[in-house]
Protein backbone atom coordinates (compact mmCIF):
# COMPACT_ATOMS: atom_id res chain seq x y z
CA MET A 1 -47.48 -62.67 35.06
CA ALA A 2 -49.58 -60.04 33.36
CA ARG A 3 -50.32 -60.31 29.68
CA LEU A 4 -48.66 -57.56 27.67
CA ARG A 5 -50.82 -55.85 25.07
CA ILE A 6 -48.32 -56.32 22.25
CA SER A 7 -50.86 -56.67 19.42
CA GLU A 8 -52.58 -53.50 20.60
CA ALA A 9 -49.23 -51.69 20.80
CA LEU A 10 -48.41 -52.72 17.23
CA LYS A 11 -51.83 -51.49 16.08
CA ALA A 12 -51.30 -48.18 17.89
CA TYR A 13 -47.93 -47.86 16.14
CA SER A 14 -49.55 -48.54 12.76
CA ASP A 15 -52.39 -46.08 13.42
CA ARG A 16 -49.94 -43.37 14.47
CA THR A 17 -47.27 -43.82 11.76
CA GLY A 18 -49.12 -45.44 8.88
CA GLU A 19 -46.38 -48.09 8.82
CA ARG A 20 -46.82 -51.74 9.67
CA MET A 21 -44.61 -53.51 12.20
CA THR A 22 -45.18 -57.24 12.59
CA GLN A 23 -44.66 -59.27 15.72
CA ASN A 24 -41.67 -60.86 13.98
CA ASP A 25 -40.17 -57.40 13.32
CA LEU A 26 -40.67 -56.45 16.96
CA ALA A 27 -39.25 -59.74 18.24
CA ALA A 28 -36.14 -59.33 16.06
CA LYS A 29 -35.49 -55.94 17.68
CA ILE A 30 -36.12 -57.19 21.22
CA TYR A 31 -34.11 -60.40 20.87
CA PRO A 32 -31.50 -59.68 18.14
CA ASP A 33 -29.23 -62.61 19.04
CA ALA A 34 -31.96 -65.26 19.30
CA SER A 35 -33.10 -67.63 16.59
CA PRO A 36 -36.36 -66.76 14.78
CA GLN A 37 -38.12 -69.62 16.57
CA SER A 38 -36.92 -68.46 20.01
CA ARG A 39 -37.98 -64.91 19.20
CA ALA A 40 -41.49 -66.04 18.31
CA ILE A 41 -41.79 -68.18 21.44
CA ASN A 42 -40.54 -65.42 23.75
CA LEU A 43 -42.85 -62.81 22.26
CA SER A 44 -45.77 -65.23 22.45
CA ARG A 45 -45.09 -65.81 26.14
CA LEU A 46 -45.12 -62.08 26.78
CA SER A 47 -48.36 -61.67 24.81
CA THR A 48 -50.19 -64.50 26.56
CA GLY A 49 -48.95 -63.83 30.09
CA LYS A 50 -47.04 -67.12 30.26
CA ALA A 51 -43.63 -65.48 30.75
CA LYS A 52 -42.32 -66.06 34.26
CA THR A 53 -40.46 -62.74 34.28
CA VAL A 54 -40.21 -59.65 32.12
CA ASN A 55 -36.97 -57.73 31.89
CA LEU A 56 -37.50 -53.99 32.39
CA GLU A 57 -35.24 -53.35 29.40
CA THR A 58 -37.66 -55.40 27.27
CA ILE A 59 -40.56 -53.19 28.38
CA LYS A 60 -38.52 -50.10 27.57
CA ILE A 61 -37.66 -51.41 24.09
CA ILE A 62 -41.28 -52.31 23.28
CA CYS A 63 -42.52 -48.92 24.49
CA ASN A 64 -39.84 -47.00 22.57
CA LEU A 65 -40.39 -48.93 19.33
CA THR A 66 -44.18 -48.78 19.37
CA GLY A 67 -44.61 -45.39 21.03
CA VAL A 68 -46.88 -46.60 23.82
CA SER A 69 -46.55 -46.15 27.56
CA PRO A 70 -45.91 -48.95 30.04
CA ASN A 71 -49.44 -48.29 31.38
CA PHE A 72 -50.86 -48.98 27.93
CA LEU A 73 -48.71 -52.09 27.50
CA PHE A 74 -49.84 -53.58 30.81
CA GLY A 75 -53.47 -52.48 30.30
CA TYR A 76 -53.65 -49.98 33.14
CA PRO A 77 -56.07 -47.09 32.70
CA PHE A 78 -54.68 -43.75 31.70
CA LYS A 79 -54.82 -40.92 34.22
CA ASN A 80 -55.38 -37.35 33.09
């Protein structure tokens, strides 16, 4: 599985808005019904590429919350 650029997405969000969103904040929005420990583990797996699958809804949530594109999140080059 590809590593998602979550830290970079959070930095892009901060640069754009001037507000800080932590990985814990993001994980709480992605996995609202999970325990804090499960949230951290799941987000870590996405960040390191150790997740076996990624739900498309999860990608959509991350992109909407941070304001980045799926291309950015997966590290694909932008096309003009």
